[in-house]
Structures are given as structure tokens and as C-alpha cells.
Protein backbone atom coordinates (compact mmCIF):
# COMPACT_ATOMS: atom_id res chain seq x y z
CA UNK A 1 83.49 10.64 4.23
CA UNK A 2 82.34 14.02 2.98
CA UNK A 3 83.14 17.15 4.97
CA UNK A 4 79.75 18.69 4.21
CA UNK A 5 76.77 16.34 4.10
CA UNK A 6 73.67 15.18 5.92
CA UNK A 7 75.17 13.65 9.05
CA UNK A 8 74.32 11.93 12.29
CA UNK A 9 76.08 13.77 15.11
CA UNK A 10 76.36 12.53 18.70
CA UNK A 11 77.70 14.94 21.31
CA UNK A 12 78.70 13.73 24.77
CA UNK A 13 79.76 15.65 27.87
CA UNK A 14 81.65 14.23 30.82
CA UNK A 15 79.81 15.46 33.91
CA UNK A 16 81.73 17.15 36.71
CA UNK A 17 84.82 17.68 34.58
CA UNK A 18 86.25 20.39 36.85
CA UNK A 19 86.23 18.12 39.88
CA UNK A 20 87.66 15.24 37.83
CA UNK A 21 90.41 17.55 36.61
CA UNK A 22 91.18 18.66 40.18
CA UNK A 23 91.35 15.05 41.41
CA UNK A 24 92.85 13.29 38.39
CA UNK A 25 94.80 16.05 36.65
CA UNK A 26 95.13 16.51 32.92
CA UNK A 27 96.77 13.12 32.43
CA UNK A 28 93.94 11.32 34.22
CA UNK A 29 91.20 13.04 32.23
CA UNK A 30 93.16 12.50 29.02
CA UNK A 31 93.24 8.80 29.84
CA UNK A 32 89.43 8.87 30.15
CA UNK A 33 89.13 10.33 26.67
CA UNK A 34 91.62 7.89 25.21
CA UNK A 35 89.69 4.94 26.63
CA UNK A 36 86.46 6.21 25.10
CA UNK A 37 87.94 7.13 21.73
CA UNK A 38 89.77 3.81 21.56
CA UNK A 39 86.46 2.02 22.06
CA UNK A 40 84.91 3.97 19.18
CA UNK A 41 87.93 3.26 16.97
CA UNK A 42 87.34 -0.46 17.48
CA UNK A 43 83.82 -0.08 16.06
CA UNK A 44 84.86 2.00 13.05
CA UNK A 45 84.88 0.20 9.73
CA UNK A 46 82.95 -2.79 11.06
CA UNK A 47 80.31 -4.32 8.81
CA UNK A 48 77.18 -4.81 10.90
CA UNK A 49 74.51 -7.28 9.82
CA UNK A 50 71.62 -7.50 12.21
CA UNK A 51 67.93 -8.31 12.35
CA UNK A 52 65.55 -5.45 12.94
CA UNK A 53 61.92 -5.85 14.08
CA UNK A 54 59.68 -5.06 11.12
CA UNK A 55 56.67 -3.89 13.16
CA UNK A 56 54.45 -6.86 12.39
CA UNK A 57 56.09 -9.27 14.81
CA UNK A 58 58.67 -10.35 12.25
CA UNK A 59 62.22 -9.24 11.50
CA UNK A 60 64.11 -8.01 8.46
CA UNK A 61 67.88 -7.73 7.88
CA UNK A 62 69.72 -4.44 8.19
CA UNK A 63 73.28 -3.97 6.97
CA UNK A 64 75.54 -1.10 7.94
CA UNK A 65 79.22 -0.23 7.87
CA UNK A 66 80.16 2.17 10.63
CA UNK A 67 82.53 4.85 9.36
CA UNK A 68 82.74 7.13 12.37
CA UNK A 69 84.89 10.18 12.97
CA UNK A 70 85.43 11.78 16.35
CA UNK A 71 86.88 14.80 18.07
CA UNK A 72 87.16 15.91 21.67
CA UNK A 73 87.90 19.07 23.61
CA UNK A 74 87.43 20.25 27.20
CA UNK A 75 84.55 18.16 28.63
CA UNK A 76 83.04 17.28 25.25
CA UNK A 77 83.56 14.67 22.58
CA UNK A 78 81.72 14.34 19.29
CA UNK A 79 81.04 11.42 16.98
CA UNK A 80 79.67 11.74 13.48
CA UNK A 81 79.13 9.91 10.22
CA UNK A 82 77.33 10.51 6.93
CA UNK A 83 73.63 9.82 7.37
CA UNK A 84 72.27 6.58 5.99
CA UNK A 85 68.93 5.26 7.21
CA UNK A 86 70.12 1.66 7.10
CA UNK A 87 73.20 2.43 9.20
CA UNK A 88 71.22 4.39 11.78
CA UNK A 89 70.34 1.30 13.93
CA UNK A 90 74.00 0.30 14.07
CA UNK A 91 75.03 3.84 15.06
CA UNK A 92 72.45 3.92 17.85
CA UNK A 93 73.60 0.54 19.11
CA UNK A 94 77.22 1.72 19.09
CA UNK A 95 76.22 4.77 21.14
CA UNK A 96 74.45 2.46 23.63
CA UNK A 97 77.61 0.37 23.85
CA UNK A 98 79.74 3.47 24.31
CA UNK A 99 77.51 4.70 27.13
CA UNK A 100 77.67 1.32 28.88
CA UNK A 101 81.44 1.23 28.41
CA UNK A 102 81.79 4.68 29.95
CA UNK A 103 79.82 3.60 33.02
CA UNK A 104 81.92 0.47 33.40
CA UNK A 105 84.98 2.76 33.45
CA UNK A 106 83.35 5.06 36.02
CA UNK A 107 83.05 7.93 33.55
CA UNK A 108 79.68 9.76 33.83
CA UNK A 109 78.47 11.04 30.46
CA UNK A 110 75.36 12.64 29.01
CA UNK A 111 74.69 12.76 25.29
CA UNK A 112 72.49 14.20 22.56
CA UNK A 113 72.09 13.07 18.96
CA UNK A 114 71.11 15.26 16.02
CA UNK A 115 70.73 14.65 12.31
CA UNK A 116 70.84 16.98 9.34
CA UNK A 117 73.15 19.28 7.44
CA UNK A 118 76.62 19.64 8.97
CA UNK A 119 80.12 20.74 8.06
CA UNK A 120 82.53 18.55 10.04
CA UNK A 121 86.15 19.19 9.07
CA UNK A 122 88.46 17.35 11.46
CA UNK A 123 91.66 18.54 9.73
CA UNK A 124 90.74 22.19 10.27
CA UNK A 125 88.80 21.60 13.51
CA UNK A 126 85.72 23.28 12.07
CA UNK A 127 82.37 21.87 13.22
CA UNK A 128 79.17 23.62 12.12
CA UNK A 129 75.57 22.89 11.27
CA UNK A 130 72.03 22.31 12.50
CA UNK A 131 72.75 18.66 13.34
CA UNK A 132 75.50 19.64 15.77
CA UNK A 133 73.43 22.45 17.28
CA UNK A 134 70.51 20.09 17.86
CA UNK A 135 72.76 17.47 19.47
CA UNK A 136 74.21 20.11 21.81
CA UNK A 137 70.78 21.47 22.76
CA UNK A 138 69.42 17.98 23.44
CA UNK A 139 72.46 17.11 25.55
CA UNK A 140 72.17 20.18 27.75
CA UNK A 141 68.40 19.82 28.32
CA UNK A 142 68.68 16.56 30.29
CA UNK A 143 68.85 15.92 34.03
CA UNK A 144 70.36 12.43 34.00
CA UNK A 145 73.10 10.21 32.70
CA UNK A 146 71.83 9.02 29.34
CA UNK A 147 71.41 9.85 25.66
CA UNK A 148 68.49 11.62 23.96
CA UNK A 149 67.70 12.25 20.31
CA UNK A 150 67.04 15.84 19.34
CA UNK A 151 64.09 17.44 17.59
CA UNK A 152 65.71 16.92 14.18
CA UNK A 153 64.52 13.31 14.39
CA UNK A 154 60.93 14.59 14.25
CA UNK A 155 61.42 15.23 10.54
CA UNK A 156 59.82 12.55 8.39
CA UNK A 157 62.98 11.82 6.40
CA UNK A 158 64.93 10.93 9.55
CA UNK A 159 62.40 8.83 11.44
CA UNK A 160 63.66 5.42 10.50
CA UNK A 161 64.10 2.64 10.21
CA UNK A 162 64.75 2.56 13.94
CA UNK A 163 65.51 -0.60 15.86
CA UNK A 164 63.09 -0.59 18.84
CA UNK A 165 65.63 -2.61 20.82
CA UNK A 166 67.83 0.47 21.00
CA UNK A 167 65.28 3.21 21.72
CA UNK A 168 62.42 4.03 24.07
CA UNK A 169 59.84 6.79 24.31
CA UNK A 170 60.75 8.68 27.47
CA UNK A 171 61.15 12.30 28.61
CA UNK A 172 60.93 12.30 32.40
CA UNK A 173 64.52 13.58 32.46
CA UNK A 174 63.69 16.91 30.80
CA UNK A 175 65.22 19.91 32.53
CA UNK A 176 62.14 22.11 33.18
CA UNK A 177 64.26 25.26 33.12
CA UNK A 178 65.27 24.72 29.48
CA UNK A 179 63.18 26.15 26.65
CA UNK A 180 64.42 23.39 24.36
CA UNK A 181 62.06 20.44 24.81
CA UNK A 182 63.34 16.92 24.29
CA UNK A 183 61.03 15.09 21.86
CA UNK A 184 61.12 11.91 23.92
CA UNK A 185 63.20 9.43 21.90
CA UNK A 186 66.06 8.10 24.03
CA UNK A 187 68.62 5.33 23.74
CA UNK A 188 67.74 2.26 25.78
CA UNK A 189 71.20 1.70 27.22
CA UNK A 190 69.92 -0.35 30.22
CA UNK A 191 68.52 -2.96 27.82
CA UNK A 192 71.89 -3.15 26.08
CA UNK A 193 73.57 -3.52 29.47
CA UNK A 194 71.23 -6.37 30.43
CA UNK A 195 72.03 -8.28 27.25
CA UNK A 196 75.80 -7.71 27.26
CA UNK A 197 76.91 -7.53 30.91
CA UNK A 198 76.30 -9.43 34.13
CA UNK A 199 77.25 -6.78 36.70
CA UNK A 200 74.64 -4.61 38.42
CA UNK A 201 74.23 -1.28 36.64
CA UNK A 202 72.49 0.31 39.65
CA UNK A 203 75.40 -0.52 41.92
CA UNK A 204 77.75 0.93 39.35
CA UNK A 205 75.78 4.19 39.29
CA UNK A 206 75.62 4.29 43.09
CA UNK A 207 79.40 3.90 43.30
CA UNK A 208 79.84 6.86 40.94
CA UNK A 209 77.36 9.12 42.75
CA UNK A 210 79.85 11.07 44.85
CA UNK A 211 79.06 14.66 43.83
CA UNK A 212 75.92 16.04 45.48
CA UNK A 213 75.41 18.55 42.67
CA UNK A 214 74.71 15.65 40.29
CA UNK A 215 72.75 13.40 42.68
CA UNK A 216 69.48 13.99 40.80
CA UNK A 217 71.15 12.92 37.54
CA UNK A 218 72.00 9.53 39.03
CA UNK A 219 68.56 9.13 40.58
CA UNK A 220 66.91 9.80 37.22
CA UNK A 221 69.24 7.34 35.52
CA UNK A 222 68.26 4.65 38.03
CA UNK A 223 64.58 5.43 37.49
CA UNK A 224 65.13 4.95 33.77
CA UNK A 225 66.68 1.54 34.44
CA UNK A 226 63.44 0.49 36.12
CA UNK A 227 61.40 1.89 33.23
CA UNK A 228 63.55 0.06 30.70
CA UNK A 229 63.08 -3.24 32.51
CA UNK A 230 59.30 -2.78 32.51
CA UNK A 231 59.40 -1.89 28.81
CA UNK A 232 61.61 -4.76 27.67
CA UNK A 233 60.38 -6.03 24.29
CA UNK A 234 57.56 -3.46 24.31
CA UNK A 235 57.47 -3.66 20.52
CA UNK A 236 56.35 -7.30 20.64
CA UNK A 237 53.26 -6.54 22.70
CA UNK A 238 49.90 -6.70 20.98
CA UNK A 239 49.08 -3.03 21.48
CA UNK A 240 52.32 -2.05 19.75
CA UNK A 241 51.47 -4.06 16.64
CA UNK A 242 47.95 -2.69 16.17
């Protein structure tokens, strides 16, 4: 993987890290990170062959090998890989899986994804570039637990192909106090949860909602679950194909 290239960058923050540190200590928080990074490691190097809706009611094959690097510090961890349009659906799906995995572990996270030029040097711990900046701005502009794409995805060269089973148009979670405006492309993690897990995601969120300062974040996440259920297979509806 090149140090400097066009990259997909996903930045995640663990919410309420100070309180978690007070309760769990460094070792407990470190265990959280190790569980998340271990999950990502298991996806790295995997060849993914999957069908992607073609937009006319049919499907076409998409092939991608996930070569992901990661780093973490304080309350933040970052994932990145060289950009390839045909690996983008697999990367989005992996981020959905990571988000679901974090909830199942009781770890509340919020993420942003950017694409574009970036210098990501893990050996020297140097991370720079518009893709990373956009991911960070998108992450901080949300009032929920979830993952949003940044404005860099508005550029024509980065608009696809997207798998509509991993994304939804949604921006009700925008923080009105932020000048940065989320473009409205978010990862449909509730759909992924429905197809991969049997436990109740709302109950899981309710059990994690113990810090009043983040109560709105959980409420918005639950609202998005309802929206996702109503929008299941939206891309197969007649109006979406016209």
C-alpha cells in the first residue's frame, strides 16, 4: 500500500471516553481498542466477491480485496486503504460490520468517511490530507451513533459504484451548530444488523444509554433504525428505478 495516494479514510471516535477511562481505566479502554482492531485485522486481506444492484433491478458482480491499515490514539481510531471504486462497497460493508460489532461489545462509536489525497505513514505516525480532514469534519458534525460520508463523496469521481444495501440518504442527525454540513449519505448499519444478528439492536442501545450528555445521540440512532426498516430494499422500488 502506498504512503501517499488517493485513499478512503474512516475515522471513528469512542463517545464518552473520559467517563470510560474513569470507570474502566487504561487497561479497560485498551481492551476496547484491541477488540475493535482485532475485528478489522480479521477482514484484512480477504477477497470479497459479492453481487451489487445494477440500478435496473438486476445485479452485477463486484470483486474487492480489503487491504486495510489502522491506527488509534486517545478516543480515535482510523482505518484507511488505497481508493478503488470496485473495493468501495466491500469497505463500506466492513465499516457497517465494525459498527455493529462495536455495539455488540457495548462500545459507542461515531464515524466519518472521506476520500481523496492523503499521506498515511503508519511507521512515522504521520497522517495528513483532505480525505482525513473530511472524515474528521463529518464525524464531529453528527448527533448520533452512526457513520456518515463526507462532502468529498460529492465529487463525480468518487460517487460509485455504491452498493445501496450499505447506504441510505439521511441527514436528520446533523448538528445544527456545525458549519460543516453532512451531505446526507450514511451507512445503513441497522440493515446489516438485521441480516447478520438476531438480538434487538434497540435494546442494545438502551442498555448503553447511561450518560445523559449523550442521550440525544442514542435517541437519534434509534430513530434511524426505524427509518432503515421503512427503507429496506428502497432501491428495488419502482420509483427508484425510473
